[in-house]
Amino acid sequence: MSAYRDVTGVAEPTTVLTFRSSGDELLALAHAGPPFYRPPWSSTVVGMVLDDDTDWGEVAELVTESYRFCAPQKLRHRLDR
C-alpha cells in the first residue's frame, strides 16, 4: 500500500521522502502541489517526490527542520552551535 498512490493516483514506482513540519512552513508545503503532497497519517507530515529535478539543498533544509521538530531539546541545541 502506498500513501502517495492513494493521495495522487500515480501507480508507477515513485521515490518519496516524508518529514515533519509546523506552522507557516507546513501550511505552505501542504498547499504547494508537486513535488509535495500530504500523507493521511499525520497532520504534521509532508511528503516530497524525489526525482531528477529535486533541489537537494531544499531537502537538506527540510530534513534539518524536521529533525528540530522531532528531536529532544538537548539534541536540537547541538544544531544551533
N, C-alpha and C. Protein backbone atom coordinates (compact mmCIF):
# COMPACT_ATOMS: atom_id res chain seq x y z
N MET A 1 0.85 -1.18 0.00
CA MET A 1 0.00 0.00 0.00
C MET A 1 0.90 1.25 0.00
N SER A 2 0.56 2.19 -0.79
CA SER A 2 1.34 3.42 -0.93
C SER A 2 0.46 4.63 -0.63
N ALA A 3 0.85 5.40 0.38
CA ALA A 3 0.10 6.63 0.68
C ALA A 3 0.18 7.59 -0.49
N TYR A 4 1.34 7.65 -1.17
CA TYR A 4 1.48 8.54 -2.32
C TYR A 4 0.50 8.15 -3.42
N ARG A 5 0.43 6.86 -3.72
CA ARG A 5 -0.50 6.38 -4.74
C ARG A 5 -1.94 6.68 -4.33
N ASP A 6 -2.25 6.46 -3.05
CA ASP A 6 -3.61 6.71 -2.58
C ASP A 6 -4.00 8.18 -2.69
N VAL A 7 -3.05 9.08 -2.44
CA VAL A 7 -3.33 10.52 -2.47
C VAL A 7 -3.37 11.06 -3.90
N THR A 8 -2.45 10.56 -4.75
CA THR A 8 -2.29 11.15 -6.08
C THR A 8 -2.87 10.31 -7.21
N GLY A 9 -3.01 9.02 -7.00
CA GLY A 9 -3.46 8.13 -8.06
C GLY A 9 -2.34 7.67 -8.97
N VAL A 10 -1.11 8.12 -8.73
CA VAL A 10 0.05 7.72 -9.54
C VAL A 10 0.43 6.29 -9.16
N ALA A 11 0.41 5.38 -10.13
CA ALA A 11 0.66 3.97 -9.84
C ALA A 11 2.10 3.53 -10.05
N GLU A 12 2.88 4.25 -10.87
CA GLU A 12 4.24 3.79 -11.12
C GLU A 12 5.12 4.01 -9.89
N PRO A 13 6.17 3.19 -9.76
CA PRO A 13 7.07 3.33 -8.61
C PRO A 13 7.61 4.77 -8.52
N THR A 14 7.55 5.34 -7.33
CA THR A 14 7.97 6.71 -7.10
C THR A 14 8.74 6.77 -5.80
N THR A 15 9.86 7.46 -5.81
CA THR A 15 10.64 7.64 -4.59
C THR A 15 10.15 8.89 -3.88
N VAL A 16 9.79 8.71 -2.60
CA VAL A 16 9.29 9.83 -1.82
C VAL A 16 10.04 9.92 -0.49
N LEU A 17 10.03 11.11 0.06
CA LEU A 17 10.60 11.38 1.38
C LEU A 17 9.49 12.00 2.21
N THR A 18 9.31 11.56 3.43
CA THR A 18 8.36 12.22 4.32
C THR A 18 9.12 12.85 5.47
N PHE A 19 8.60 13.97 5.93
CA PHE A 19 9.25 14.70 7.01
C PHE A 19 8.18 15.48 7.76
N ARG A 20 8.53 15.94 8.94
CA ARG A 20 7.59 16.71 9.76
C ARG A 20 7.85 18.20 9.58
N SER A 21 6.78 18.96 9.71
CA SER A 21 6.88 20.40 9.60
C SER A 21 5.82 21.02 10.52
N SER A 22 5.87 22.33 10.67
CA SER A 22 4.89 23.00 11.52
C SER A 22 4.71 24.45 11.07
N GLY A 23 3.67 25.07 11.59
CA GLY A 23 3.44 26.49 11.36
C GLY A 23 3.22 26.86 9.90
N ASP A 24 3.73 28.04 9.56
CA ASP A 24 3.56 28.57 8.21
C ASP A 24 4.21 27.69 7.15
N GLU A 25 5.36 27.09 7.49
CA GLU A 25 6.03 26.22 6.52
C GLU A 25 5.16 25.01 6.20
N LEU A 26 4.54 24.42 7.21
CA LEU A 26 3.65 23.28 6.99
C LEU A 26 2.50 23.67 6.08
N LEU A 27 1.89 24.79 6.35
CA LEU A 27 0.77 25.24 5.52
C LEU A 27 1.21 25.50 4.08
N ALA A 28 2.35 26.14 3.92
CA ALA A 28 2.84 26.45 2.57
C ALA A 28 3.15 25.17 1.79
N LEU A 29 3.84 24.23 2.42
CA LEU A 29 4.21 22.99 1.73
C LEU A 29 2.98 22.13 1.45
N ALA A 30 2.04 22.12 2.38
CA ALA A 30 0.83 21.30 2.21
C ALA A 30 -0.01 21.76 1.03
N HIS A 31 0.09 23.03 0.69
CA HIS A 31 -0.70 23.58 -0.41
C HIS A 31 0.13 23.91 -1.66
N ALA A 32 1.41 23.55 -1.65
CA ALA A 32 2.31 23.91 -2.75
C ALA A 32 2.08 23.08 -4.01
N GLY A 33 1.56 21.87 -3.86
CA GLY A 33 1.44 20.99 -5.01
C GLY A 33 2.76 20.31 -5.31
N PRO A 34 2.85 19.60 -6.43
CA PRO A 34 4.05 18.85 -6.76
C PRO A 34 5.33 19.69 -6.65
N PRO A 35 6.37 19.12 -6.05
CA PRO A 35 6.56 17.72 -5.68
C PRO A 35 6.06 17.36 -4.29
N PHE A 36 5.31 18.25 -3.63
CA PHE A 36 4.85 17.99 -2.27
C PHE A 36 3.44 17.42 -2.26
N TYR A 37 3.13 16.63 -1.22
CA TYR A 37 1.80 16.09 -1.01
C TYR A 37 1.60 15.84 0.48
N ARG A 38 0.37 15.65 0.90
CA ARG A 38 0.05 15.41 2.32
C ARG A 38 -0.34 13.96 2.54
N PRO A 39 0.49 13.17 3.19
CA PRO A 39 0.08 11.81 3.56
C PRO A 39 -1.05 11.89 4.60
N PRO A 40 -1.92 10.91 4.63
CA PRO A 40 -3.08 10.99 5.51
C PRO A 40 -2.83 10.61 6.97
N TRP A 41 -1.66 10.09 7.31
CA TRP A 41 -1.48 9.52 8.64
C TRP A 41 -1.11 10.52 9.73
N SER A 42 -0.77 11.74 9.41
CA SER A 42 -0.43 12.72 10.45
C SER A 42 -0.63 14.13 9.91
N SER A 43 -1.11 15.01 10.75
CA SER A 43 -1.34 16.39 10.32
C SER A 43 -0.05 17.20 10.26
N THR A 44 1.05 16.64 10.75
CA THR A 44 2.33 17.37 10.72
C THR A 44 3.32 16.78 9.72
N VAL A 45 2.88 15.84 8.90
CA VAL A 45 3.78 15.19 7.93
C VAL A 45 3.51 15.73 6.53
N VAL A 46 4.59 15.97 5.81
CA VAL A 46 4.54 16.37 4.40
C VAL A 46 5.39 15.36 3.64
N GLY A 47 4.95 15.01 2.45
CA GLY A 47 5.73 14.13 1.59
C GLY A 47 6.28 14.92 0.41
N MET A 48 7.39 14.44 -0.11
CA MET A 48 8.04 15.10 -1.25
C MET A 48 8.52 14.02 -2.22
N VAL A 49 8.19 14.15 -3.48
CA VAL A 49 8.68 13.24 -4.52
C VAL A 49 10.13 13.61 -4.81
N LEU A 50 11.00 12.60 -4.84
CA LEU A 50 12.40 12.79 -5.18
C LEU A 50 12.61 12.29 -6.61
N ASP A 51 13.14 13.16 -7.46
CA ASP A 51 13.38 12.79 -8.85
C ASP A 51 14.56 13.58 -9.39
N ASP A 52 14.73 13.59 -10.71
CA ASP A 52 15.87 14.27 -11.32
C ASP A 52 15.86 15.78 -11.08
N ASP A 53 14.69 16.34 -10.77
CA ASP A 53 14.58 17.78 -10.55
C ASP A 53 14.67 18.19 -9.09
N THR A 54 14.95 17.25 -8.20
CA THR A 54 14.99 17.53 -6.77
C THR A 54 16.07 18.54 -6.44
N ASP A 55 15.71 19.51 -5.63
CA ASP A 55 16.65 20.51 -5.10
C ASP A 55 17.18 19.95 -3.78
N TRP A 56 18.40 19.39 -3.83
CA TRP A 56 18.94 18.71 -2.66
C TRP A 56 19.28 19.69 -1.53
N GLY A 57 19.51 20.94 -1.82
CA GLY A 57 19.69 21.94 -0.79
C GLY A 57 18.40 22.13 -0.01
N GLU A 58 17.28 22.16 -0.74
CA GLU A 58 15.98 22.27 -0.09
C GLU A 58 15.69 21.04 0.76
N VAL A 59 16.03 19.86 0.24
CA VAL A 59 15.84 18.62 1.01
C VAL A 59 16.62 18.70 2.32
N ALA A 60 17.87 19.15 2.25
CA ALA A 60 18.69 19.26 3.47
C ALA A 60 18.03 20.19 4.49
N GLU A 61 17.51 21.31 4.03
CA GLU A 61 16.83 22.25 4.94
C GLU A 61 15.58 21.63 5.55
N LEU A 62 14.79 20.96 4.73
CA LEU A 62 13.55 20.36 5.22
C LEU A 62 13.81 19.23 6.21
N VAL A 63 14.82 18.41 5.94
CA VAL A 63 15.15 17.32 6.86
C VAL A 63 15.71 17.88 8.17
N THR A 64 16.53 18.92 8.09
CA THR A 64 17.05 19.54 9.31
C THR A 64 15.92 20.13 10.15
N GLU A 65 14.99 20.81 9.52
CA GLU A 65 13.86 21.38 10.27
C GLU A 65 12.97 20.28 10.83
N SER A 66 12.82 19.20 10.10
CA SER A 66 12.04 18.07 10.60
C SER A 66 12.70 17.49 11.85
N TYR A 67 14.01 17.39 11.82
CA TYR A 67 14.75 16.90 12.99
C TYR A 67 14.54 17.83 14.17
N ARG A 68 14.61 19.13 13.94
CA ARG A 68 14.35 20.10 15.01
C ARG A 68 12.96 19.90 15.61
N PHE A 69 12.00 19.59 14.78
CA PHE A 69 10.62 19.39 15.22
C PHE A 69 10.50 18.16 16.12
N CYS A 70 11.26 17.10 15.80
CA CYS A 70 11.10 15.81 16.48
C CYS A 70 12.11 15.54 17.60
N ALA A 71 13.28 16.11 17.51
CA ALA A 71 14.37 15.76 18.41
C ALA A 71 14.16 16.32 19.82
N PRO A 72 14.73 15.66 20.81
CA PRO A 72 14.71 16.22 22.16
C PRO A 72 15.47 17.55 22.19
N GLN A 73 15.10 18.40 23.12
CA GLN A 73 15.67 19.75 23.21
C GLN A 73 17.20 19.72 23.26
N LYS A 74 17.77 18.79 24.01
CA LYS A 74 19.23 18.69 24.13
C LYS A 74 19.89 18.51 22.76
N LEU A 75 19.29 17.69 21.92
CA LEU A 75 19.86 17.44 20.60
C LEU A 75 19.59 18.60 19.64
N ARG A 76 18.44 19.26 19.78
CA ARG A 76 18.15 20.44 18.94
C ARG A 76 19.18 21.53 19.17
N HIS A 77 19.61 21.69 20.41
CA HIS A 77 20.61 22.73 20.71
C HIS A 77 21.93 22.46 20.00
N ARG A 78 22.25 21.22 19.76
CA ARG A 78 23.50 20.89 19.05
C ARG A 78 23.49 21.43 17.62
N LEU A 79 22.33 21.51 17.02
CA LEU A 79 22.23 22.04 15.65
C LEU A 79 22.53 23.53 15.62
N ASP A 80 22.25 24.22 16.70
CA ASP A 80 22.42 25.67 16.74
C ASP A 80 23.85 26.11 17.01
N ARG A 81 24.69 25.17 17.35
CA ARG A 81 26.10 25.51 17.62
C ARG A 81 26.86 25.78 16.36
